[in-house]
């Protein structure tokens, strides 16, 4: 069975527009929060460690999104993340937000492993790559 990273984010006032629903750019912030949590909890490599201590970054180089239903202040969104493709220097992710099992938003970010001093792509560190593969969809193996 594939490993899927999951965590929750409560929709707060700061996420909403005057109509009381999530303003779409805030979803991208929540996607990034999910990616950061996945790195720290799921991969054991926090952004702080990677960026500040190891000089390794994982910028998002592209992202697609679909918004299925509005989310309102007070909703608790369950975010699920898995890897759809793992390359030498890139990782294609699939991230979904659900509220009570209703799909609210889907995002497809692509991350690239980079050396922060040069800004150039570098292969995933072996330990990180090994852990990332546990989140890879089995049909891609």
N, C-alpha and C. Protein backbone atom coordinates (compact mmCIF):
# COMPACT_ATOMS: atom_id res chain seq x y z
N UNK A 1 0.84 -1.19 0.00
CA UNK A 1 0.00 0.00 0.00
C UNK A 1 0.88 1.25 0.00
N UNK A 2 0.51 2.22 -0.78
CA UNK A 2 1.27 3.46 -0.87
C UNK A 2 1.11 4.24 0.42
N UNK A 3 2.17 4.92 0.78
CA UNK A 3 2.14 5.81 1.93
C UNK A 3 1.59 7.14 1.46
N UNK A 4 0.59 7.66 2.13
CA UNK A 4 0.02 8.97 1.83
C UNK A 4 0.23 9.83 3.06
N UNK A 5 0.84 11.00 2.86
CA UNK A 5 1.00 11.93 3.97
C UNK A 5 -0.31 12.67 4.17
N UNK A 6 -0.70 12.85 5.41
CA UNK A 6 -1.97 13.51 5.71
C UNK A 6 -1.83 14.39 6.94
N UNK A 7 -2.45 15.56 6.89
CA UNK A 7 -2.55 16.44 8.06
C UNK A 7 -3.75 17.35 7.87
N UNK A 8 -4.09 18.10 8.90
CA UNK A 8 -5.27 18.97 8.82
C UNK A 8 -4.88 20.43 9.01
N UNK A 9 -5.68 21.29 8.39
CA UNK A 9 -5.56 22.74 8.55
C UNK A 9 -6.97 23.28 8.74
N UNK A 10 -7.18 24.02 9.80
CA UNK A 10 -8.48 24.67 10.02
C UNK A 10 -8.52 25.97 9.24
N UNK A 11 -9.61 26.21 8.52
CA UNK A 11 -9.78 27.45 7.76
C UNK A 11 -10.06 28.57 8.75
N UNK A 12 -9.18 29.56 8.72
CA UNK A 12 -9.28 30.69 9.64
C UNK A 12 -9.72 31.95 8.90
N UNK A 13 -10.06 32.97 9.66
CA UNK A 13 -10.44 34.26 9.11
C UNK A 13 -9.40 34.75 8.11
N UNK A 14 -8.13 34.57 8.42
CA UNK A 14 -7.04 35.05 7.55
C UNK A 14 -7.03 34.39 6.18
N UNK A 15 -7.68 33.26 6.03
CA UNK A 15 -7.73 32.55 4.76
C UNK A 15 -8.87 33.01 3.85
N UNK A 16 -9.80 33.77 4.41
CA UNK A 16 -11.07 34.02 3.72
C UNK A 16 -11.19 35.41 3.10
N UNK A 17 -12.02 35.48 2.07
CA UNK A 17 -12.37 36.75 1.45
C UNK A 17 -13.60 37.32 2.16
N UNK A 18 -14.10 38.49 1.76
CA UNK A 18 -15.26 39.07 2.45
C UNK A 18 -16.52 38.19 2.41
N UNK A 19 -16.59 37.24 1.48
CA UNK A 19 -17.75 36.34 1.42
C UNK A 19 -17.63 35.19 2.43
N UNK A 20 -16.48 35.11 3.13
CA UNK A 20 -16.30 34.07 4.14
C UNK A 20 -15.84 32.74 3.57
N UNK A 21 -15.38 32.73 2.31
CA UNK A 21 -14.85 31.49 1.73
C UNK A 21 -13.34 31.68 1.48
N UNK A 22 -12.65 30.56 1.34
CA UNK A 22 -11.20 30.64 1.13
C UNK A 22 -10.90 31.38 -0.17
N UNK A 23 -10.08 32.41 -0.05
CA UNK A 23 -9.59 33.17 -1.19
C UNK A 23 -8.54 32.30 -1.86
N UNK A 24 -8.71 32.02 -3.15
CA UNK A 24 -7.92 30.97 -3.81
C UNK A 24 -6.41 31.06 -3.61
N UNK A 25 -5.77 32.24 -3.53
CA UNK A 25 -4.31 32.21 -3.30
C UNK A 25 -3.94 31.59 -1.94
N UNK A 26 -4.86 31.64 -0.99
CA UNK A 26 -4.58 31.05 0.33
C UNK A 26 -4.47 29.53 0.24
N UNK A 27 -5.18 28.94 -0.73
CA UNK A 27 -5.03 27.50 -0.93
C UNK A 27 -3.58 27.16 -1.28
N UNK A 28 -2.94 28.01 -2.09
CA UNK A 28 -1.55 27.75 -2.46
C UNK A 28 -0.64 27.82 -1.23
N UNK A 29 -0.96 28.73 -0.31
CA UNK A 29 -0.20 28.78 0.94
C UNK A 29 -0.40 27.49 1.74
N UNK A 30 -1.62 26.97 1.74
CA UNK A 30 -1.89 25.72 2.45
C UNK A 30 -1.22 24.53 1.77
N UNK A 31 -1.15 24.55 0.44
CA UNK A 31 -0.42 23.50 -0.28
C UNK A 31 1.05 23.54 0.14
N UNK A 32 1.62 24.75 0.19
CA UNK A 32 3.02 24.87 0.60
C UNK A 32 3.21 24.41 2.05
N UNK A 33 2.26 24.74 2.92
CA UNK A 33 2.33 24.27 4.31
C UNK A 33 2.31 22.74 4.35
N UNK A 34 1.49 22.14 3.52
CA UNK A 34 1.41 20.68 3.44
C UNK A 34 2.74 20.10 2.98
N UNK A 35 3.35 20.71 1.97
CA UNK A 35 4.65 20.24 1.48
C UNK A 35 5.70 20.37 2.59
N UNK A 36 5.69 21.49 3.31
CA UNK A 36 6.65 21.68 4.41
C UNK A 36 6.44 20.65 5.51
N UNK A 37 5.19 20.41 5.89
CA UNK A 37 4.89 19.41 6.93
C UNK A 37 5.32 18.02 6.47
N UNK A 38 5.08 17.71 5.19
CA UNK A 38 5.49 16.41 4.64
C UNK A 38 7.00 16.25 4.75
N UNK A 39 7.74 17.30 4.40
CA UNK A 39 9.20 17.21 4.51
C UNK A 39 9.63 16.96 5.95
N UNK A 40 9.04 17.67 6.89
CA UNK A 40 9.47 17.53 8.29
C UNK A 40 8.99 16.22 8.91
N UNK A 41 7.71 15.94 8.78
CA UNK A 41 7.12 14.77 9.46
C UNK A 41 7.28 13.50 8.62
N UNK A 42 6.98 13.59 7.34
CA UNK A 42 7.01 12.41 6.48
C UNK A 42 8.39 12.00 6.01
N UNK A 43 9.25 13.00 5.74
CA UNK A 43 10.58 12.70 5.22
C UNK A 43 11.68 12.85 6.25
N UNK A 44 11.37 13.52 7.37
CA UNK A 44 12.39 13.72 8.40
C UNK A 44 13.44 14.74 8.03
N UNK A 45 13.09 15.66 7.11
CA UNK A 45 14.01 16.71 6.67
C UNK A 45 13.24 18.03 6.68
N UNK A 46 13.31 18.77 7.78
CA UNK A 46 12.57 20.03 7.86
C UNK A 46 13.15 21.06 6.89
N UNK A 47 12.32 22.00 6.49
CA UNK A 47 12.79 23.08 5.64
C UNK A 47 13.90 23.85 6.32
N UNK A 48 13.79 24.06 7.64
CA UNK A 48 14.83 24.79 8.37
C UNK A 48 16.17 24.07 8.25
N UNK A 49 16.18 22.77 8.47
CA UNK A 49 17.42 22.00 8.35
C UNK A 49 17.96 22.05 6.92
N UNK A 50 17.07 21.81 5.97
CA UNK A 50 17.51 21.77 4.57
C UNK A 50 18.08 23.11 4.12
N UNK A 51 17.31 24.17 4.33
CA UNK A 51 17.70 25.48 3.82
C UNK A 51 18.85 26.11 4.60
N UNK A 52 18.76 26.09 5.92
CA UNK A 52 19.72 26.82 6.74
C UNK A 52 20.98 26.03 7.07
N UNK A 53 20.86 24.72 7.23
CA UNK A 53 22.02 23.92 7.63
C UNK A 53 22.68 23.21 6.45
N UNK A 54 21.88 22.74 5.50
CA UNK A 54 22.43 21.91 4.42
C UNK A 54 22.55 22.64 3.09
N UNK A 55 21.97 23.83 2.99
CA UNK A 55 22.04 24.57 1.73
C UNK A 55 21.31 23.90 0.59
N UNK A 56 20.26 23.16 0.93
CA UNK A 56 19.48 22.40 -0.06
C UNK A 56 18.07 22.98 -0.09
N UNK A 57 17.55 23.25 -1.28
CA UNK A 57 16.20 23.78 -1.41
C UNK A 57 15.35 22.92 -2.31
N UNK A 58 14.04 23.12 -2.22
CA UNK A 58 13.09 22.38 -3.06
C UNK A 58 12.01 23.34 -3.58
N UNK A 59 12.39 24.28 -4.44
CA UNK A 59 11.39 25.22 -4.94
C UNK A 59 10.34 24.53 -5.81
N UNK A 60 9.17 25.11 -5.81
CA UNK A 60 8.09 24.68 -6.70
C UNK A 60 8.34 25.34 -8.05
N UNK A 61 8.48 24.52 -9.10
CA UNK A 61 8.76 25.07 -10.43
C UNK A 61 7.51 25.14 -11.30
N UNK A 62 6.49 24.40 -10.92
CA UNK A 62 5.20 24.52 -11.60
C UNK A 62 4.13 23.98 -10.66
N UNK A 63 2.90 24.43 -10.89
CA UNK A 63 1.79 23.94 -10.08
C UNK A 63 0.50 24.12 -10.87
N UNK A 64 -0.32 23.10 -10.83
CA UNK A 64 -1.66 23.17 -11.41
C UNK A 64 -2.66 23.05 -10.27
N UNK A 65 -3.86 23.54 -10.47
CA UNK A 65 -4.87 23.48 -9.41
C UNK A 65 -6.28 23.40 -9.98
N UNK A 66 -7.13 22.70 -9.25
CA UNK A 66 -8.56 22.67 -9.55
C UNK A 66 -9.30 22.87 -8.24
N UNK A 67 -10.32 23.70 -8.29
CA UNK A 67 -11.12 24.01 -7.11
C UNK A 67 -12.49 23.38 -7.29
N UNK A 68 -12.80 22.40 -6.45
CA UNK A 68 -14.02 21.60 -6.62
C UNK A 68 -15.22 22.14 -5.89
N UNK A 69 -15.00 22.72 -4.71
CA UNK A 69 -16.09 23.24 -3.89
C UNK A 69 -15.50 24.27 -2.93
N UNK A 70 -16.29 25.27 -2.54
CA UNK A 70 -15.74 26.29 -1.63
C UNK A 70 -15.54 25.75 -0.21
N UNK A 71 -14.55 26.32 0.44
CA UNK A 71 -14.32 26.04 1.87
C UNK A 71 -14.62 27.31 2.63
N UNK A 72 -15.21 27.15 3.80
CA UNK A 72 -15.65 28.29 4.60
C UNK A 72 -14.88 28.35 5.91
N UNK A 73 -14.87 29.54 6.49
CA UNK A 73 -14.25 29.74 7.78
C UNK A 73 -14.80 28.71 8.77
N UNK A 74 -13.87 28.06 9.49
CA UNK A 74 -14.26 27.05 10.47
C UNK A 74 -14.17 25.63 9.94
N UNK A 75 -14.14 25.46 8.60
CA UNK A 75 -13.97 24.12 8.04
C UNK A 75 -12.59 23.57 8.44
N UNK A 76 -12.53 22.28 8.64
CA UNK A 76 -11.25 21.61 8.86
C UNK A 76 -10.94 20.81 7.62
N UNK A 77 -9.86 21.19 6.96
CA UNK A 77 -9.46 20.53 5.72
C UNK A 77 -8.43 19.45 6.01
N UNK A 78 -8.68 18.27 5.49
CA UNK A 78 -7.71 17.18 5.56
C UNK A 78 -6.94 17.20 4.26
N UNK A 79 -5.64 17.40 4.36
CA UNK A 79 -4.76 17.46 3.20
C UNK A 79 -4.05 16.13 3.05
N UNK A 80 -4.05 15.61 1.82
CA UNK A 80 -3.40 14.34 1.51
C UNK A 80 -2.39 14.57 0.38
N UNK A 81 -1.21 14.00 0.54
CA UNK A 81 -0.13 14.19 -0.42
C UNK A 81 0.50 12.85 -0.76
N UNK A 82 0.71 12.61 -2.05
CA UNK A 82 1.53 11.49 -2.48
C UNK A 82 2.33 11.93 -3.71
N UNK A 83 3.33 11.15 -4.04
CA UNK A 83 4.22 11.44 -5.15
C UNK A 83 3.75 10.65 -6.37
N UNK A 84 3.61 11.32 -7.50
CA UNK A 84 3.18 10.64 -8.72
C UNK A 84 4.34 10.28 -9.63
N UNK A 85 5.46 11.01 -9.50
CA UNK A 85 6.63 10.73 -10.32
C UNK A 85 7.86 11.27 -9.60
N UNK A 86 8.91 10.46 -9.57
CA UNK A 86 10.15 10.88 -8.95
C UNK A 86 11.27 10.78 -9.97
N UNK A 87 11.84 11.94 -10.30
CA UNK A 87 12.96 11.97 -11.22
C UNK A 87 14.28 12.11 -10.48
N UNK A 88 15.34 12.30 -11.24
CA UNK A 88 16.67 12.45 -10.64
C UNK A 88 16.76 13.70 -9.77
N UNK A 89 16.12 14.81 -10.23
CA UNK A 89 16.16 16.07 -9.48
C UNK A 89 14.77 16.64 -9.20
N UNK A 90 13.72 15.97 -9.66
CA UNK A 90 12.37 16.51 -9.50
C UNK A 90 11.43 15.51 -8.83
N UNK A 91 10.36 16.05 -8.28
CA UNK A 91 9.29 15.22 -7.71
C UNK A 91 7.96 15.86 -8.08
N UNK A 92 7.09 15.06 -8.69
CA UNK A 92 5.74 15.50 -9.05
C UNK A 92 4.81 15.02 -7.94
N UNK A 93 4.06 15.96 -7.36
CA UNK A 93 3.19 15.65 -6.24
C UNK A 93 1.72 15.77 -6.63
N UNK A 94 0.88 15.08 -5.89
CA UNK A 94 -0.57 15.21 -5.99
C UNK A 94 -1.05 15.53 -4.59
N UNK A 95 -1.69 16.68 -4.44
CA UNK A 95 -2.14 17.15 -3.12
C UNK A 95 -3.63 17.43 -3.21
N UNK A 96 -4.39 16.87 -2.26
CA UNK A 96 -5.84 17.11 -2.22
C UNK A 96 -6.25 17.64 -0.86
N UNK A 97 -7.28 18.50 -0.88
CA UNK A 97 -7.89 18.98 0.36
C UNK A 97 -9.33 18.48 0.39
N UNK A 98 -9.70 17.85 1.49
CA UNK A 98 -11.06 17.34 1.69
C UNK A 98 -11.63 17.93 2.96
N UNK A 99 -12.93 18.09 2.99
CA UNK A 99 -13.64 18.45 4.21
C UNK A 99 -14.78 17.44 4.35
N UNK A 100 -14.70 16.64 5.41
CA UNK A 100 -15.69 15.57 5.61
C UNK A 100 -15.82 14.72 4.35
N UNK A 101 -14.69 14.38 3.76
CA UNK A 101 -14.57 13.55 2.56
C UNK A 101 -15.05 14.21 1.27
N UNK A 102 -15.51 15.47 1.33
CA UNK A 102 -15.85 16.19 0.10
C UNK A 102 -14.57 16.84 -0.43
N UNK A 103 -14.23 16.57 -1.69
CA UNK A 103 -13.06 17.16 -2.31
C UNK A 103 -13.28 18.66 -2.49
N UNK A 104 -12.32 19.44 -2.01
CA UNK A 104 -12.42 20.89 -2.13
C UNK A 104 -11.41 21.46 -3.13
N UNK A 105 -10.21 20.87 -3.17
CA UNK A 105 -9.16 21.42 -4.01
C UNK A 105 -8.13 20.35 -4.31
N UNK A 106 -7.59 20.37 -5.52
CA UNK A 106 -6.50 19.48 -5.93
C UNK A 106 -5.38 20.33 -6.51
N UNK A 107 -4.15 20.01 -6.13
CA UNK A 107 -2.99 20.72 -6.67
C UNK A 107 -1.95 19.69 -7.13
N UNK A 108 -1.20 20.08 -8.14
CA UNK A 108 -0.17 19.20 -8.69
C UNK A 108 1.16 19.96 -8.78
N UNK A 109 1.81 20.20 -7.64
CA UNK A 109 3.10 20.89 -7.68
C UNK A 109 4.23 19.98 -8.15
N UNK A 110 5.21 20.60 -8.78
CA UNK A 110 6.45 19.92 -9.14
C UNK A 110 7.58 20.63 -8.39
N UNK A 111 8.31 19.84 -7.59
CA UNK A 111 9.43 20.37 -6.83
C UNK A 111 10.73 19.97 -7.51
N UNK A 112 11.75 20.80 -7.37
CA UNK A 112 13.07 20.48 -7.89
C UNK A 112 14.08 20.62 -6.76
N UNK A 113 14.93 19.62 -6.65
CA UNK A 113 16.02 19.63 -5.67
C UNK A 113 17.12 20.56 -6.19
N UNK A 114 17.50 21.58 -5.40
CA UNK A 114 18.52 22.53 -5.84
C UNK A 114 19.57 22.77 -4.77
N UNK A 115 20.76 23.10 -5.24
CA UNK A 115 21.83 23.58 -4.37
C UNK A 115 21.57 25.08 -4.20
N UNK A 116 21.35 25.51 -2.96
CA UNK A 116 20.98 26.90 -2.71
C UNK A 116 22.09 27.88 -3.07
N UNK A 117 23.35 27.45 -3.04
CA UNK A 117 24.44 28.37 -3.34
C UNK A 117 24.54 28.67 -4.84
N UNK A 118 24.10 27.73 -5.67
CA UNK A 118 24.18 27.94 -7.12
C UNK A 118 22.81 28.13 -7.76
N UNK A 119 21.76 27.65 -7.08
CA UNK A 119 20.43 27.69 -7.66
C UNK A 119 20.21 26.64 -8.73
N UNK A 120 21.16 25.74 -8.91
CA UNK A 120 21.10 24.72 -9.95
C UNK A 120 20.52 23.41 -9.41
N UNK A 121 19.80 22.67 -10.25
CA UNK A 121 19.27 21.37 -9.83
C UNK A 121 20.40 20.40 -9.46
N UNK A 122 20.14 19.62 -8.43
CA UNK A 122 21.07 18.57 -7.99
C UNK A 122 20.25 17.32 -7.68
N UNK A 123 20.86 16.14 -7.79
CA UNK A 123 20.13 14.92 -7.45
C UNK A 123 19.66 14.95 -5.99
N UNK A 124 18.54 14.28 -5.76
CA UNK A 124 18.03 14.17 -4.39
C UNK A 124 19.08 13.50 -3.52
N UNK A 125 19.31 14.00 -2.29
CA UNK A 125 20.20 13.28 -1.38
C UNK A 125 19.65 11.86 -1.18
N UNK A 126 20.55 10.88 -1.07
CA UNK A 126 20.15 9.47 -1.01
C UNK A 126 19.12 9.19 0.08
N UNK A 127 19.34 9.70 1.28
CA UNK A 127 18.41 9.43 2.39
C UNK A 127 17.02 10.01 2.10
N UNK A 128 16.99 11.21 1.53
CA UNK A 128 15.71 11.84 1.21
C UNK A 128 15.02 11.09 0.07
N UNK A 129 15.77 10.75 -0.96
CA UNK A 129 15.20 10.02 -2.10
C UNK A 129 14.59 8.70 -1.63
N UNK A 130 15.29 7.99 -0.75
CA UNK A 130 14.78 6.73 -0.23
C UNK A 130 13.45 6.92 0.47
N UNK A 131 13.33 7.97 1.27
CA UNK A 131 12.08 8.22 1.99
C UNK A 131 10.97 8.69 1.03
N UNK A 132 11.33 9.51 0.05
CA UNK A 132 10.33 10.00 -0.92
C UNK A 132 9.69 8.81 -1.64
N UNK A 133 10.49 7.78 -1.95
CA UNK A 133 9.94 6.64 -2.70
C UNK A 133 8.82 5.93 -1.95
N UNK A 134 8.78 6.06 -0.61
CA UNK A 134 7.69 5.42 0.14
C UNK A 134 6.35 6.12 -0.11
N UNK A 135 6.39 7.34 -0.64
CA UNK A 135 5.17 8.09 -0.94
C UNK A 135 4.82 8.04 -2.42
N UNK A 136 5.60 7.27 -3.19
CA UNK A 136 5.40 7.16 -4.63
C UNK A 136 4.25 6.18 -4.90
N UNK A 137 3.33 6.57 -5.76
CA UNK A 137 2.24 5.68 -6.16
C UNK A 137 2.83 4.41 -6.73
N UNK A 138 2.29 3.26 -6.34
CA UNK A 138 2.84 1.98 -6.78
C UNK A 138 2.79 1.81 -8.29
N UNK A 139 1.81 2.41 -8.97
CA UNK A 139 1.74 2.25 -10.42
C UNK A 139 2.91 2.94 -11.13
N UNK A 140 3.64 3.81 -10.43
CA UNK A 140 4.79 4.48 -11.01
C UNK A 140 6.08 3.70 -10.76
N UNK A 141 6.06 2.69 -9.90
CA UNK A 141 7.28 1.97 -9.56
C UNK A 141 7.72 1.06 -10.67
